Amino acid sequence: MMKVSIQRLDPTLPLPSYQSNGAVGFDLITRETTVIPPGGIALVPGNVVVKVPEGYALLIIPRSSLPRKKMLVCPHSIGVIDCDYHGPGDEILVQVKNISDGPVTVERGERIAQGIFVKVEVAEWEEVEGHGAESRGGFGSTGNR
């Protein structure tokens, strides 16, 4: 287990938590009620600034029930929080798009996204003229042989 520094912007809301012993992601708690118009995109505040440990990234991923229960999707799919994003104005925000025909309300205190820490390395590029392999085809081509 690693220790991670976290700041709550609204201390009356609970800290993010893992919902089961086997959970790899912790649920973020929304800080304020947000209404997303039909077809609209909004940033829902996650109430925390997290100091991601060096050598890690924090991925922000929508909860799997988000489209079914709220008719919301994350248009960017996955948010990436770098280890240097932890200043006073760096609250984690969840970008959502309303795919319904009516307004959708995310209530204060709801759990719409989860965070997962992943170990990362920084690449040092070594430029080459080729890699010595045959071309496999294009995007999605592995099943077309």
Protein backbone atom coordinates (compact mmCIF):
# COMPACT_ATOMS: atom_id res chain seq x y z
CA MET A 1 0.00 0.00 0.00
CA MET A 2 1.31 3.48 -0.83
CA LYS A 3 0.67 6.70 1.05
CA VAL A 4 -0.80 9.47 -1.13
CA SER A 5 -1.32 13.11 -0.15
CA ILE A 6 -4.86 14.33 -0.78
CA GLN A 7 -6.68 17.60 -0.11
CA ARG A 8 -10.47 17.79 0.14
CA LEU A 9 -11.95 21.08 -1.01
CA ASP A 10 -15.17 20.42 0.91
CA PRO A 11 -14.23 18.55 4.11
CA THR A 12 -17.91 17.74 4.83
CA LEU A 13 -17.79 15.16 2.01
CA PRO A 14 -16.00 11.84 2.57
CA LEU A 15 -12.61 10.99 1.12
CA PRO A 16 -12.63 8.82 -2.01
CA SER A 17 -12.88 5.17 -1.04
CA TYR A 18 -12.44 1.66 -2.38
CA GLN A 19 -15.86 -0.02 -2.25
CA SER A 20 -14.61 -3.61 -1.75
CA ASN A 21 -11.47 -5.45 -0.66
CA GLY A 22 -10.75 -6.42 -4.28
CA ALA A 23 -11.45 -3.03 -5.87
CA VAL A 24 -8.54 -1.55 -7.86
CA GLY A 25 -10.27 1.80 -8.31
CA PHE A 26 -11.46 4.27 -5.70
CA ASP A 27 -14.68 6.22 -6.23
CA LEU A 28 -14.56 10.00 -6.48
CA ILE A 29 -17.32 11.96 -4.73
CA THR A 30 -18.83 14.91 -6.62
CA ARG A 31 -18.51 18.25 -4.82
CA GLU A 32 -21.47 20.11 -6.25
CA THR A 33 -24.70 19.43 -8.08
CA THR A 34 -24.19 19.85 -11.82
CA VAL A 35 -26.88 19.94 -14.50
CA ILE A 36 -25.79 18.86 -17.98
CA PRO A 37 -28.09 19.96 -20.84
CA PRO A 38 -29.04 17.50 -23.61
CA GLY A 39 -25.97 16.89 -25.77
CA GLY A 40 -23.92 19.14 -23.49
CA ILE A 41 -20.50 18.60 -21.96
CA ALA A 42 -19.72 19.58 -18.37
CA LEU A 43 -16.87 19.33 -15.88
CA VAL A 44 -18.07 17.82 -12.61
CA PRO A 45 -15.83 18.68 -9.63
CA GLY A 46 -14.39 15.67 -7.80
CA ASN A 47 -13.66 17.54 -4.54
CA VAL A 48 -9.99 16.54 -4.29
CA VAL A 49 -6.50 17.60 -5.26
CA VAL A 50 -4.26 14.52 -5.30
CA LYS A 51 -0.47 14.56 -5.25
CA VAL A 52 0.24 11.57 -7.48
CA PRO A 53 3.45 9.83 -6.37
CA GLU A 54 6.40 10.18 -8.73
CA GLY A 55 6.60 7.24 -11.13
CA TYR A 56 2.80 6.90 -11.20
CA ALA A 57 -0.14 8.35 -13.09
CA LEU A 58 -3.69 8.59 -11.80
CA LEU A 59 -6.27 7.48 -14.36
CA ILE A 60 -9.80 8.86 -14.00
CA ILE A 61 -12.27 6.41 -15.50
CA PRO A 62 -16.08 6.56 -15.63
CA ARG A 63 -17.92 4.08 -13.45
CA SER A 64 -19.35 1.33 -15.63
CA SER A 65 -22.94 2.21 -14.65
CA LEU A 66 -22.63 5.86 -15.76
CA PRO A 67 -24.19 5.52 -19.25
CA ARG A 68 -26.95 3.17 -18.11
CA LYS A 69 -27.96 5.00 -14.93
CA LYS A 70 -27.24 8.63 -15.86
CA MET A 71 -27.05 8.67 -19.69
CA LEU A 72 -23.59 10.23 -19.36
CA VAL A 73 -20.35 9.24 -21.09
CA CYS A 74 -16.83 10.60 -20.77
CA PRO A 75 -15.97 12.02 -24.21
CA HIS A 76 -12.24 11.78 -23.56
CA SER A 77 -12.60 8.16 -22.27
CA ILE A 78 -9.84 8.35 -19.66
CA GLY A 79 -8.46 11.31 -17.77
CA VAL A 80 -4.75 11.29 -16.94
CA ILE A 81 -3.55 13.08 -13.80
CA ASP A 82 0.21 13.71 -13.86
CA CYS A 83 2.42 13.83 -10.76
CA ASP A 84 2.91 17.61 -11.15
CA TYR A 85 -0.84 18.43 -11.19
CA HIS A 86 -1.47 19.22 -7.53
CA GLY A 87 -1.57 22.99 -7.16
CA PRO A 88 -4.26 24.88 -5.26
CA GLY A 89 -6.56 25.09 -8.32
CA ASP A 90 -5.95 21.53 -9.56
CA GLU A 91 -9.14 19.86 -8.39
CA ILE A 92 -9.83 16.63 -10.24
CA LEU A 93 -12.70 17.25 -12.66
CA VAL A 94 -14.71 14.59 -14.47
CA GLN A 95 -15.67 15.56 -18.02
CA VAL A 96 -19.06 14.15 -18.99
CA LYS A 97 -21.35 14.36 -22.02
CA ASN A 98 -25.10 14.00 -21.77
CA ILE A 99 -26.28 11.53 -24.45
CA SER A 100 -29.95 11.83 -23.52
CA ASP A 101 -32.71 14.06 -24.89
CA GLY A 102 -33.22 15.84 -21.57
CA PRO A 103 -31.10 17.50 -18.89
CA VAL A 104 -29.20 15.19 -16.53
CA THR A 105 -28.43 16.14 -12.94
CA VAL A 106 -25.39 14.84 -11.09
CA GLU A 107 -26.10 15.39 -7.41
CA ARG A 108 -23.53 16.51 -4.88
CA GLY A 109 -22.08 13.41 -3.21
CA GLU A 110 -22.66 11.06 -6.18
CA ARG A 111 -19.99 8.65 -7.41
CA ILE A 112 -19.65 8.91 -11.20
CA ALA A 113 -15.95 8.15 -11.74
CA GLN A 114 -13.14 6.16 -10.24
CA GLY A 115 -9.41 6.63 -9.96
CA ILE A 116 -6.71 4.04 -10.53
CA PHE A 117 -3.00 4.53 -9.86
CA VAL A 118 -0.73 2.97 -12.48
CA LYS A 119 3.05 2.74 -12.51
CA VAL A 120 4.60 4.56 -15.47
CA GLU A 121 8.01 5.11 -16.97
CA VAL A 122 9.26 7.96 -19.12
CA ALA A 123 10.54 6.85 -22.51
CA GLU A 124 13.97 7.74 -23.79
CA TRP A 125 13.65 7.65 -27.58
CA GLU A 126 16.15 5.74 -29.66
CA GLU A 127 15.44 6.63 -33.28
CA VAL A 128 15.93 3.85 -35.87
CA GLU A 129 15.42 3.53 -39.64
CA GLY A 130 13.13 0.49 -39.26
CA HIS A 131 12.29 -2.30 -36.86
CA GLY A 132 12.91 -5.32 -39.10
CA ALA A 133 9.33 -6.67 -38.94
CA GLU A 134 6.77 -7.18 -41.70
CA SER A 135 3.78 -4.88 -41.75
CA ARG A 136 0.71 -6.50 -40.17
CA GLY A 137 -1.81 -4.23 -41.82
CA GLY A 138 -3.78 -1.32 -40.48
CA PHE A 139 -5.97 -0.48 -37.53
CA GLY A 140 -8.02 -3.50 -36.44
CA SER A 141 -6.43 -5.79 -39.04
CA THR A 142 -5.39 -8.73 -36.83
CA GLY A 143 -8.69 -10.59 -37.32
CA ASN A 144 -8.73 -10.17 -41.13
CA ARG A 145 -6.21 -12.84 -42.13
